[in-house]
Amino acid sequence: MKDRFPGIAEATRLIKAGEASPTDLVRAAAERIAGIDGELNCFIGFDADAALAAAKVAEKEIAAGGARGALHGVPVALKDLFAVSGMPLTCGSRILENFVPGYDSGVAERLRRAGAVIIGKNNMDEFAMGSSNETSYFGAVKNPWDTARVPGGSSGGCAAAVAAEMCCGAVGTDTGGSIRQPAAFCGVVGMKPTYGRVSRFGMVAFASSLDQAGPLARSVEDAAILLGAISGFDEKDSTSRDTPAPDLLAELNGGVRGLKIAAPREYFNIGGMDGEVENCVREALKDMESLGAEIVDVSMPNTGYAVSAYYVIAPCEASSNLARYDGVRYGRRAGDAQSLEEMIVKSRSEGFGEEVKRRIMLGTHALSSGYYDAYYLKAQKVKTLITEEFYAAFEKADLIMTPTAPEAAFKLGEKTGDPIKMYLSDALTIPANIAGVPAISVPCGLTKSGLPIGAQIIGRRFDEQTVIRAARALESTGRFDGLRPAGI
């Protein structure tokens, strides 16, 4: 453990072998956070004493023969939009900087049930709105591979913390690529499961029809363990699917022999595609073929409309969801207002950042009288076309494989002045959210300048097992073995 802070599976092995205890792991995580997070800014909240107390409880339970599974006593972090009783919940926003929930989200409840030690809250783009983790009220997160570059967003704090080995794993959220894109930028594994696979109860909403929680980890096995722990039906979430959670480790090493993998030409020809990224993912496809998969060519022409549809649907839902932050019930309240209307206006004006305001205004306009049919209704029709296109592709193939992002991590400040350019960072990940299908990002190489590149594998609805199998097969080719940020 001195040479490298362990991932989830390795931490479990160390605990079982008596080579490390939960308190050892938490202390090591706390040391790393104290040593390097001042520069990276991955954590908004970290309470070492509370984490150590939870680790001691887990340690006693394990010693008494009550081990609950692979996460028992393992330190994990949560994106700061999950409610955890007694822990501040900010969503990276000034409007919630002093809010402390008195209940656990569905994800936190399942993690506690599995014995995991929740060590803290990761920084994020404000209300999950961003692709670079630069919109947080608590400052930008930096990429551990190059601190002059972004970690991706909005789960950039989770991805950077995992890559920098400050926790064994983390749970983020993905509305349009917010787990997969930062996973690609930071050289870790990140998965968005099928919509409805993981409870959204107690997970602050951005766009309710698109949001889904998922794991970020240093290996496919670790991601499978974490996803297995948080999956399952939750009666408190009306969108939760009453489908038994699969054993994602049962066929982990089943390989890809006999599987058909589609490589849609539109995902490789998208505007802004970096040649190094394209070549790396095409080489990864050749590796999958050498492992016994059959690569098939498909066309998905509606992919090009996904970003446009997303940036109507998501802001519309955000406009509705964020109406609750008005200074009346909870969150920041302006103190010098002379009327209720003035108090609401001032509270929201002071509490929300520029990107959040931009998306609220976009959504409110699109939902307004005279524009609903022209924008929102039309975007929903495009959503249906994209979903049907995925169904058609899966009649020809078992999986789809693409680049995760059209480029590697860009520099801090490079796109903040051009929202459209920033929005296109998620052009390859958004379609899976629109269709509600599972997708994973696996690191598959480095650029010449030493930045990680991610390959995305997309599967049929509720077929996370096959996606995990294929991701593990790609990982086993060794294209990313032993690679880690300098100085970590």
Protein backbone atom coordinates (compact mmCIF):
# COMPACT_ATOMS: atom_id res chain seq x y z
CA MET A 1 0.00 0.00 0.00
CA LYS A 2 3.01 2.29 0.35
CA ASP A 3 3.65 2.27 -3.40
CA ARG A 4 0.06 2.68 -4.57
CA PHE A 5 -3.27 3.33 -2.88
CA PRO A 6 -5.47 0.33 -3.72
CA GLY A 7 -8.62 0.10 -5.78
CA ILE A 8 -11.73 -1.64 -4.48
CA ALA A 9 -10.85 -5.27 -5.28
CA GLU A 10 -7.30 -4.86 -4.02
CA ALA A 11 -8.49 -3.14 -0.82
CA THR A 12 -10.84 -6.05 -0.15
CA ARG A 13 -7.99 -8.52 -0.67
CA LEU A 14 -5.76 -6.57 1.73
CA ILE A 15 -8.50 -6.50 4.39
CA LYS A 16 -9.20 -10.23 4.04
CA ALA A 17 -5.48 -11.06 4.20
CA GLY A 18 -5.01 -8.91 7.29
CA GLU A 19 -2.47 -6.77 5.44
CA ALA A 20 -4.53 -3.60 5.92
CA SER A 21 -7.57 -2.59 7.94
CA PRO A 22 -10.40 -0.17 7.11
CA THR A 23 -8.82 2.38 9.45
CA ASP A 24 -5.47 1.97 7.67
CA LEU A 25 -7.19 2.66 4.35
CA VAL A 26 -9.06 5.71 5.64
CA ARG A 27 -5.91 7.15 7.24
CA ALA A 28 -4.01 6.62 3.98
CA ALA A 29 -6.80 8.31 2.02
CA ALA A 30 -6.84 11.22 4.47
CA GLU A 31 -3.07 11.65 4.11
CA ARG A 32 -3.34 11.71 0.33
CA ILE A 33 -6.21 14.19 0.40
CA ALA A 34 -4.30 16.44 2.80
CA GLY A 35 -1.19 16.19 0.65
CA ILE A 36 -2.48 16.78 -2.87
CA ASP A 37 -6.09 17.97 -2.86
CA GLY A 38 -5.03 21.53 -2.17
CA GLU A 39 -3.81 21.59 -5.75
CA LEU A 40 -6.42 19.35 -7.42
CA ASN A 41 -9.55 20.56 -5.51
CA CYS A 42 -11.39 17.22 -5.85
CA PHE A 43 -13.24 17.37 -2.51
CA ILE A 44 -15.82 19.90 -1.35
CA GLY A 45 -16.37 18.06 1.92
CA PHE A 46 -14.12 15.65 3.82
CA ASP A 47 -14.49 14.79 7.52
CA ALA A 48 -11.54 12.63 8.54
CA ASP A 49 -12.87 12.02 12.07
CA ALA A 50 -16.29 10.83 10.84
CA ALA A 51 -14.69 8.62 8.18
CA LEU A 52 -12.33 7.11 10.75
CA ALA A 53 -15.21 6.42 13.13
CA ALA A 54 -17.13 4.61 10.35
CA ALA A 55 -14.00 2.64 9.46
CA LYS A 56 -13.62 1.49 13.08
CA VAL A 57 -17.21 0.22 13.10
CA ALA A 58 -16.58 -1.69 9.87
CA GLU A 59 -13.38 -3.10 11.30
CA LYS A 60 -15.17 -4.48 14.35
CA GLU A 61 -17.91 -6.02 12.21
CA ILE A 62 -15.37 -7.72 9.94
CA ALA A 63 -13.34 -8.97 12.90
CA ALA A 64 -16.53 -10.49 14.35
CA GLY A 65 -17.09 -12.45 11.14
CA GLY A 66 -19.76 -10.16 9.77
CA ALA A 67 -18.16 -9.13 6.46
CA ARG A 68 -20.87 -7.94 4.08
CA GLY A 69 -18.98 -8.20 0.81
CA ALA A 70 -16.35 -6.56 -1.34
CA LEU A 71 -17.09 -3.01 -0.21
CA HIS A 72 -17.05 -3.60 3.54
CA GLY A 73 -14.58 -1.18 5.11
CA VAL A 74 -13.57 0.28 1.73
CA PRO A 75 -13.35 4.11 1.47
CA VAL A 76 -15.43 5.58 -1.38
CA ALA A 77 -16.51 9.12 -2.23
CA LEU A 78 -19.74 10.58 -3.60
CA LYS A 79 -20.37 13.42 -6.02
CA ASP A 80 -21.77 16.28 -3.99
CA LEU A 81 -25.34 15.94 -5.21
CA PHE A 82 -26.17 12.79 -3.22
CA ALA A 83 -27.88 13.28 0.11
CA VAL A 84 -25.94 11.75 3.00
CA SER A 85 -27.44 12.32 6.43
CA GLY A 86 -25.36 14.82 8.39
CA MET A 87 -23.06 15.70 5.48
CA PRO A 88 -23.34 19.06 3.70
CA LEU A 89 -24.92 18.86 0.24
CA THR A 90 -23.95 21.75 -2.06
CA CYS A 91 -24.27 20.60 -5.70
CA GLY A 92 -21.23 22.82 -6.25
CA SER A 93 -23.50 25.86 -5.82
CA ARG A 94 -23.57 28.92 -3.58
CA ILE A 95 -27.33 28.56 -3.22
CA LEU A 96 -26.88 25.33 -1.22
CA GLU A 97 -23.57 26.06 0.53
CA ASN A 98 -25.08 25.64 4.03
CA PHE A 99 -27.60 22.86 3.36
CA VAL A 100 -27.28 19.63 5.41
CA PRO A 101 -29.85 16.87 4.68
CA GLY A 102 -31.23 14.68 7.43
CA TYR A 103 -31.65 11.56 5.29
CA ASP A 104 -29.67 9.25 2.99
CA SER A 105 -30.12 9.03 -0.76
CA GLY A 106 -30.83 5.61 -2.26
CA VAL A 107 -27.19 5.35 -3.35
CA ALA A 108 -25.81 6.30 0.08
CA GLU A 109 -28.21 3.89 1.79
CA ARG A 110 -27.05 0.98 -0.40
CA LEU A 111 -23.40 1.85 0.11
CA ARG A 112 -23.86 1.91 3.88
CA ARG A 113 -25.72 -1.41 3.66
CA ALA A 114 -22.71 -2.85 1.81
CA GLY A 115 -20.41 -1.59 4.59
CA ALA A 116 -18.61 1.03 2.49
CA VAL A 117 -17.03 3.98 4.29
CA ILE A 118 -18.27 7.21 2.69
CA ILE A 119 -15.29 9.48 3.19
CA GLY A 120 -16.50 12.69 1.59
CA LYS A 121 -18.11 14.65 -1.20
CA ASN A 122 -16.46 15.34 -4.55
CA ASN A 123 -16.44 18.69 -6.33
CA MET A 124 -18.61 19.05 -9.43
CA ASP A 125 -19.90 21.48 -12.03
CA GLU A 126 -22.69 23.51 -10.43
CA PHE A 127 -25.88 21.41 -10.40
CA ALA A 128 -24.06 19.02 -12.78
CA MET A 129 -24.16 21.60 -15.58
CA GLY A 130 -20.83 21.55 -17.37
CA SER A 131 -18.26 19.48 -19.22
CA SER A 132 -15.08 20.70 -17.53
CA ASN A 133 -15.71 21.10 -13.78
CA GLU A 134 -15.05 24.81 -14.05
CA THR A 135 -18.55 26.02 -13.10
CA SER A 136 -18.34 24.97 -9.44
CA TYR A 137 -18.80 27.74 -6.87
CA PHE A 138 -15.96 26.05 -4.96
CA GLY A 139 -13.44 26.45 -7.77
CA ALA A 140 -12.29 24.38 -10.70
CA VAL A 141 -10.98 20.83 -10.33
CA LYS A 142 -7.65 20.10 -12.01
CA ASN A 143 -6.68 17.02 -13.97
CA PRO A 144 -4.01 14.96 -12.13
CA TRP A 145 -2.41 14.03 -15.47
CA ASP A 146 -1.78 17.73 -16.22
CA THR A 147 -2.94 20.34 -13.72
CA ALA A 148 -3.20 22.95 -16.48
CA ARG A 149 -6.07 20.92 -17.96
CA VAL A 150 -9.65 20.12 -17.00
CA PRO A 151 -10.69 16.73 -15.56
CA GLY A 152 -13.95 16.78 -17.54
CA GLY A 153 -17.38 17.26 -16.07
CA SER A 154 -19.63 17.28 -14.33
CA SER A 155 -18.27 14.37 -12.26
CA GLY A 156 -14.73 15.68 -12.65
CA GLY A 157 -14.07 15.71 -8.92
CA CYS A 158 -14.91 12.00 -8.71
CA ALA A 159 -12.77 11.09 -11.72
CA ALA A 160 -9.78 13.14 -10.59
CA ALA A 161 -9.99 11.79 -7.01
CA VAL A 162 -10.01 8.20 -8.28
CA ALA A 163 -7.17 8.86 -10.74
CA ALA A 164 -5.12 10.59 -8.03
CA GLU A 165 -5.77 7.65 -5.68
CA MET A 166 -7.50 9.62 -2.94
CA CYS A 167 -10.26 7.01 -2.64
CA CYS A 168 -10.81 3.45 -3.81
CA GLY A 169 -13.77 4.43 -5.99
CA ALA A 170 -16.50 7.03 -6.35
CA VAL A 171 -20.11 7.38 -7.46
CA GLY A 172 -21.00 10.16 -9.87
CA THR A 173 -23.94 11.01 -12.10
CA ASP A 174 -24.30 11.06 -15.86
CA THR A 175 -26.91 13.23 -17.63
CA GLY A 176 -25.16 13.66 -20.97
CA GLY A 177 -21.79 12.04 -20.40
CA SER A 178 -20.85 13.38 -16.97
CA ILE A 179 -19.35 10.09 -15.78
CA ARG A 180 -17.86 8.81 -19.02
CA GLN A 181 -16.26 11.99 -20.35
CA PRO A 182 -14.31 12.79 -17.13
CA ALA A 183 -13.39 9.10 -16.85
CA ALA A 184 -11.84 9.35 -20.32
CA PHE A 185 -10.04 12.61 -19.49
CA CYS A 186 -8.62 11.21 -16.22
CA GLY A 187 -7.74 7.68 -17.35
CA VAL A 188 -10.22 5.77 -15.18
CA VAL A 189 -13.25 3.55 -15.79
CA GLY A 190 -16.65 5.22 -15.66
CA MET A 191 -20.06 3.68 -16.33
CA LYS A 192 -23.55 5.04 -16.89
CA PRO A 193 -25.97 2.15 -16.27
CA THR A 194 -29.40 1.78 -17.87
CA TYR A 195 -31.84 4.52 -16.85
CA GLY A 196 -33.77 3.09 -13.90
CA ARG A 197 -31.07 0.63 -12.79
CA VAL A 198 -29.90 2.84 -9.87
CA SER A 199 -32.15 4.81 -7.52
CA ARG A 200 -32.39 8.56 -8.08
CA PHE A 201 -33.99 9.12 -4.66
CA GLY A 202 -32.02 11.77 -2.78
CA MET A 203 -29.96 12.55 -5.89
CA VAL A 204 -30.47 16.23 -6.70
CA ALA A 205 -32.11 16.45 -10.10
CA PHE A 206 -30.76 18.27 -13.13
CA ALA A 207 -32.76 16.63 -15.96
CA SER A 208 -34.92 13.92 -14.46
CA SER A 209 -35.48 11.88 -17.63
CA LEU A 210 -31.74 11.66 -18.30
CA ASP A 211 -29.92 11.62 -14.91
CA GLN A 212 -28.44 8.34 -13.76
CA ALA A 213 -25.89 7.45 -11.07
CA GLY A 214 -22.92 5.22 -11.76
CA PRO A 215 -19.40 4.22 -10.66
CA LEU A 216 -15.96 5.65 -11.35
CA ALA A 217 -13.10 3.32 -10.53
CA ARG A 218 -9.57 2.34 -11.49
CA SER A 219 -10.54 -0.99 -13.07
CA VAL A 220 -13.52 -2.62 -14.72
CA GLU A 221 -13.74 -5.10 -11.85
CA ASP A 222 -13.88 -2.25 -9.33
CA ALA A 223 -16.60 -0.53 -11.35
CA ALA A 224 -18.61 -3.77 -11.48
CA ILE A 225 -18.35 -4.18 -7.69
CA LEU A 226 -19.46 -0.61 -7.06
CA LEU A 227 -22.30 -0.74 -9.58
CA GLY A 228 -23.49 -4.05 -8.15
CA ALA A 229 -23.72 -2.47 -4.69
CA ILE A 230 -25.79 0.56 -5.73
CA SER A 231 -28.11 -1.17 -8.24
CA GLY A 232 -31.62 -2.35 -7.49
CA PHE A 233 -35.24 -1.33 -7.15
CA ASP A 234 -36.15 1.53 -4.83
CA GLU A 235 -39.83 2.14 -4.10
CA LYS A 236 -38.98 5.75 -3.21
CA ASP A 237 -37.98 6.42 -6.84
CA SER A 238 -40.84 6.26 -9.35
CA THR A 239 -38.40 5.80 -12.23
CA SER A 240 -36.61 2.87 -10.57
CA ARG A 241 -37.03 -0.37 -12.53
CA ASP A 242 -38.26 -3.38 -10.55
CA THR A 243 -35.72 -5.70 -12.19
CA PRO A 244 -33.30 -7.90 -10.20
CA ALA A 245 -29.77 -6.48 -10.20
CA PRO A 246 -27.46 -8.84 -12.11
CA ASP A 247 -24.26 -10.41 -10.77
CA LEU A 248 -21.83 -8.32 -12.78
CA LEU A 249 -18.81 -10.36 -11.68
CA ALA A 250 -20.24 -13.73 -12.78
CA GLU A 251 -19.15 -13.29 -16.40
CA LEU A 252 -16.48 -10.64 -15.87
CA ASN A 253 -13.82 -12.60 -17.75
CA GLY A 254 -16.18 -14.16 -20.30
CA GLY A 255 -14.46 -12.34 -23.16
CA VAL A 256 -15.91 -11.13 -26.45
CA ARG A 257 -15.54 -14.19 -28.65
CA GLY A 258 -18.65 -14.52 -30.78
CA LEU A 259 -19.94 -11.04 -29.99
CA LYS A 260 -20.70 -8.53 -32.74
CA ILE A 261 -19.45 -5.01 -32.08
CA ALA A 262 -20.70 -2.11 -34.21
CA ALA A 263 -18.52 0.88 -35.00
CA PRO A 264 -20.96 3.55 -36.27
CA ARG A 265 -19.24 5.73 -38.84
CA GLU A 266 -20.97 8.88 -37.53
CA TYR A 267 -19.21 8.57 -34.16
CA PHE A 268 -15.81 8.67 -35.87
CA ASN A 269 -16.63 11.41 -38.38
CA ILE A 270 -18.05 13.91 -35.91
CA GLY A 271 -16.74 17.47 -36.06
CA GLY A 272 -13.73 18.18 -33.86
CA MET A 273 -12.56 14.56 -33.78
CA ASP A 274 -8.87 14.46 -32.89
CA GLY A 275 -6.81 12.14 -35.10
CA GLU A 276 -4.92 10.63 -32.17
CA VAL A 277 -8.16 9.76 -30.41
CA GLU A 278 -9.70 8.21 -33.53
CA ASN A 279 -6.60 6.13 -34.31
CA CYS A 280 -6.29 4.90 -30.72
CA VAL A 281 -9.91 3.71 -30.59
CA ARG A 282 -9.65 2.08 -34.03
CA GLU A 283 -6.61 0.17 -32.77
CA ALA A 284 -8.64 -0.86 -29.73
CA LEU A 285 -11.32 -2.18 -32.08
CA LYS A 286 -8.67 -4.27 -33.83
CA ASP A 287 -7.69 -5.66 -30.42
CA MET A 288 -11.30 -6.66 -29.78
CA GLU A 289 -11.37 -8.36 -33.17
CA SER A 290 -8.21 -10.28 -32.30
CA LEU A 291 -10.00 -11.48 -29.15
CA GLY A 292 -12.74 -13.05 -31.26
CA ALA A 293 -15.28 -10.26 -31.71
CA GLU A 294 -16.75 -9.49 -35.11
CA ILE A 295 -16.62 -5.80 -36.03
CA VAL A 296 -19.65 -4.66 -38.05
CA ASP A 297 -20.31 -1.39 -39.79
CA VAL A 298 -23.57 0.42 -39.02
CA SER A 299 -24.91 3.88 -39.72
CA MET A 300 -26.64 6.01 -37.08
CA PRO A 301 -27.38 9.25 -38.94
CA ASN A 302 -29.53 10.79 -36.19
CA THR A 303 -26.49 10.92 -33.90
CA GLY A 304 -25.77 14.38 -35.25
CA TYR A 305 -29.04 15.71 -33.82
CA ALA A 306 -28.44 14.40 -30.30
CA VAL A 307 -26.69 17.49 -28.93
CA SER A 308 -29.41 19.81 -30.25
CA ALA A 309 -32.18 17.66 -28.77
CA TYR A 310 -30.34 17.33 -25.46
CA TYR A 311 -29.86 21.08 -25.08
CA VAL A 312 -33.59 21.57 -25.37
CA ILE A 313 -34.75 18.67 -23.17
CA ALA A 314 -32.16 19.05 -20.39
CA PRO A 315 -32.58 22.84 -19.86
CA CYS A 316 -36.38 22.46 -19.92
CA GLU A 317 -36.24 19.89 -17.15
CA ALA A 318 -33.61 21.93 -15.29
CA SER A 319 -35.86 25.00 -15.44
CA SER A 320 -38.58 23.01 -13.70
CA ASN A 321 -36.33 21.23 -11.21
CA LEU A 322 -34.42 24.32 -10.10
CA ALA A 323 -37.57 26.37 -9.49
CA ARG A 324 -37.57 24.98 -5.94
CA TYR A 325 -34.45 27.01 -5.05
CA ASP A 326 -36.22 30.27 -4.34
CA GLY A 327 -34.94 31.28 -0.91
CA VAL A 328 -38.28 30.43 0.71
CA ARG A 329 -37.97 26.81 1.81
CA TYR A 330 -34.25 26.03 2.02
CA GLY A 331 -30.91 27.11 0.63
CA ARG A 332 -29.52 30.63 0.36
CA ARG A 333 -31.89 33.51 1.15
CA ALA A 334 -31.07 37.14 0.31
CA GLY A 335 -31.20 39.16 3.52
CA ASP A 336 -31.89 42.69 2.34
CA ALA A 337 -35.05 42.20 0.27
CA GLN A 338 -38.09 44.43 0.79
CA SER A 339 -40.67 42.05 -0.67
CA LEU A 340 -41.20 38.36 -1.39
CA GLU A 341 -40.63 38.87 -5.12
CA GLU A 342 -37.42 40.80 -4.52
CA MET A 343 -36.21 38.14 -2.07
CA ILE A 344 -36.74 35.36 -4.62
CA VAL A 345 -35.06 37.30 -7.44
CA LYS A 346 -32.07 38.28 -5.28
CA SER A 347 -31.67 34.79 -3.78
CA ARG A 348 -31.59 33.16 -7.20
CA SER A 349 -29.43 35.89 -8.76
CA GLU A 350 -26.83 35.64 -5.99
CA GLY A 351 -27.05 31.87 -5.55
CA PHE A 352 -26.82 30.57 -9.12
CA GLY A 353 -23.75 30.78 -11.37
CA GLU A 354 -23.72 31.92 -14.98
CA GLU A 355 -24.04 28.48 -16.61
CA VAL A 356 -26.98 27.51 -14.40
CA LYS A 357 -28.71 30.80 -15.18
CA ARG A 358 -28.09 30.26 -18.90
CA ARG A 359 -29.70 26.82 -18.87
CA ILE A 360 -32.66 27.94 -16.75
CA MET A 361 -33.35 30.73 -19.25
CA LEU A 362 -32.98 28.40 -22.22
CA GLY A 363 -35.40 25.92 -20.68
CA THR A 364 -37.92 28.51 -19.58
CA HIS A 365 -37.96 30.03 -23.07
CA ALA A 366 -38.39 26.63 -24.76
CA LEU A 367 -41.33 25.79 -22.47
CA SER A 368 -43.05 29.14 -22.86
CA SER A 369 -46.29 29.67 -24.71
CA GLY A 370 -45.78 29.59 -28.47
CA TYR A 371 -42.44 27.82 -28.30
CA TYR A 372 -43.28 24.51 -26.58
CA ASP A 373 -44.25 22.73 -29.83
CA ALA A 374 -41.41 24.28 -31.81
CA TYR A 375 -38.70 23.27 -29.37
CA TYR A 376 -39.56 20.84 -26.59
CA LEU A 377 -42.07 18.69 -28.48
CA LYS A 378 -39.79 18.49 -31.51
CA ALA A 379 -36.81 17.54 -29.31
CA GLN A 380 -38.86 14.71 -27.80
CA LYS A 381 -39.60 13.42 -31.31
CA VAL A 382 -35.88 13.46 -32.10
CA LYS A 383 -35.29 11.57 -28.84
CA THR A 384 -37.65 8.85 -30.10
CA LEU A 385 -35.81 8.65 -33.44
CA ILE A 386 -32.43 8.30 -31.71
CA THR A 387 -33.77 5.61 -29.39
CA GLU A 388 -35.22 3.66 -32.31
CA GLU A 389 -31.88 3.99 -34.10
CA PHE A 390 -30.16 2.27 -31.18
CA TYR A 391 -32.72 -0.54 -31.26
CA ALA A 392 -32.05 -0.98 -34.99
CA ALA A 393 -28.28 -1.06 -34.42
CA PHE A 394 -28.69 -3.72 -31.74
CA GLU A 395 -30.47 -5.95 -34.22
CA LYS A 396 -27.16 -6.14 -36.09
CA ALA A 397 -24.74 -6.08 -33.17
CA ASP A 398 -24.49 -6.95 -29.49
CA LEU A 399 -22.52 -3.82 -28.59
CA ILE A 400 -21.46 -0.47 -30.01
CA MET A 401 -17.90 0.85 -29.58
CA THR A 402 -16.84 4.47 -30.15
CA PRO A 403 -14.48 7.10 -28.77
CA THR A 404 -15.79 8.48 -25.47
CA ALA A 405 -14.90 12.07 -26.33
CA PRO A 406 -13.68 13.64 -29.58
CA GLU A 407 -10.50 14.90 -27.92
CA ALA A 408 -8.34 14.45 -24.85
CA ALA A 409 -8.53 16.82 -21.86
CA PHE A 410 -8.44 20.47 -22.94
CA LYS A 411 -6.84 23.35 -21.05
CA LEU A 412 -8.50 25.20 -18.18
CA GLY A 413 -10.29 28.26 -19.51
CA GLU A 414 -10.01 27.10 -23.13
CA LYS A 415 -13.76 26.77 -23.71
CA THR A 416 -15.39 28.79 -20.92
CA GLY A 417 -16.02 31.71 -23.27
CA ASP A 418 -17.71 29.55 -25.91
CA PRO A 419 -20.66 27.55 -24.48
CA ILE A 420 -21.42 25.85 -27.81
CA LYS A 421 -17.87 24.55 -28.11
CA MET A 422 -18.14 23.28 -24.53
CA TYR A 423 -21.47 21.55 -25.20
CA LEU A 424 -19.97 19.64 -28.16
CA SER A 425 -17.52 17.94 -25.75
CA ASP A 426 -20.36 15.52 -24.94
CA ALA A 427 -21.45 14.86 -28.52
CA LEU A 428 -20.44 11.18 -28.36
CA THR A 429 -21.88 10.44 -24.92
CA ILE A 430 -25.25 12.23 -25.08
CA PRO A 431 -26.97 9.68 -27.39
CA ALA A 432 -26.74 6.89 -24.76
CA ASN A 433 -28.51 9.12 -22.22
CA ILE A 434 -31.23 10.01 -24.70
CA ALA A 435 -31.83 6.30 -25.40
CA GLY A 436 -31.43 5.29 -21.75
CA VAL A 437 -28.93 2.53 -22.60
CA PRO A 438 -25.87 1.50 -20.55
CA ALA A 439 -22.43 2.75 -21.59
CA ILE A 440 -18.93 2.55 -20.16
CA SER A 441 -15.67 4.39 -20.79
CA VAL A 442 -12.44 2.40 -20.57
CA PRO A 443 -8.97 3.97 -20.91
CA CYS A 444 -7.27 2.62 -24.02
CA GLY A 445 -4.08 4.65 -24.46
CA LEU A 446 -2.35 8.01 -24.28
CA THR A 447 -1.84 10.88 -26.69
CA LYS A 448 1.72 11.83 -27.66
CA SER A 449 1.54 14.52 -24.99
CA GLY A 450 0.68 11.91 -22.34
CA LEU A 451 -3.07 12.48 -21.89
CA PRO A 452 -5.53 9.57 -21.47
CA ILE A 453 -7.88 8.47 -24.24
CA GLY A 454 -11.13 6.62 -23.52
CA ALA A 455 -13.08 4.10 -25.58
CA GLN A 456 -16.84 3.91 -25.07
CA ILE A 457 -18.79 0.63 -25.14
CA ILE A 458 -22.59 0.86 -25.36
CA GLY A 459 -25.04 -2.00 -24.79
CA ARG A 460 -28.71 -2.90 -24.84
CA ARG A 461 -31.00 -1.71 -22.06
CA PHE A 462 -30.42 -3.64 -18.82
CA ASP A 463 -27.58 -5.65 -20.38
CA GLU A 464 -24.82 -4.26 -18.18
CA GLN A 465 -23.28 -7.76 -17.96
CA THR A 466 -22.28 -7.81 -21.62
CA VAL A 467 -20.99 -4.23 -21.47
CA ILE A 468 -18.86 -5.10 -18.43
CA ARG A 469 -17.57 -8.28 -20.12
CA ALA A 470 -16.47 -6.37 -23.20
CA ALA A 471 -14.93 -3.58 -21.13
CA ARG A 472 -12.92 -6.13 -19.17
CA ALA A 473 -11.77 -7.76 -22.43
CA LEU A 474 -10.54 -4.40 -23.72
CA GLU A 475 -8.83 -3.71 -20.41
CA SER A 476 -7.11 -7.13 -20.57
CA THR A 477 -5.29 -6.14 -23.77
CA GLY A 478 -2.98 -4.12 -21.54
CA ARG A 479 -3.23 -0.90 -23.54
CA PHE A 480 -3.33 1.12 -20.30
CA ASP A 481 -1.48 -1.20 -17.89
CA GLY A 482 0.79 0.55 -15.42
CA LEU A 483 -0.04 4.05 -16.66
CA ARG A 484 -0.75 6.65 -14.00
CA PRO A 485 -0.44 10.40 -13.53
CA ALA A 486 3.11 11.62 -12.91
CA GLY A 487 3.91 12.02 -9.25
CA ILE A 488 0.90 10.03 -8.05
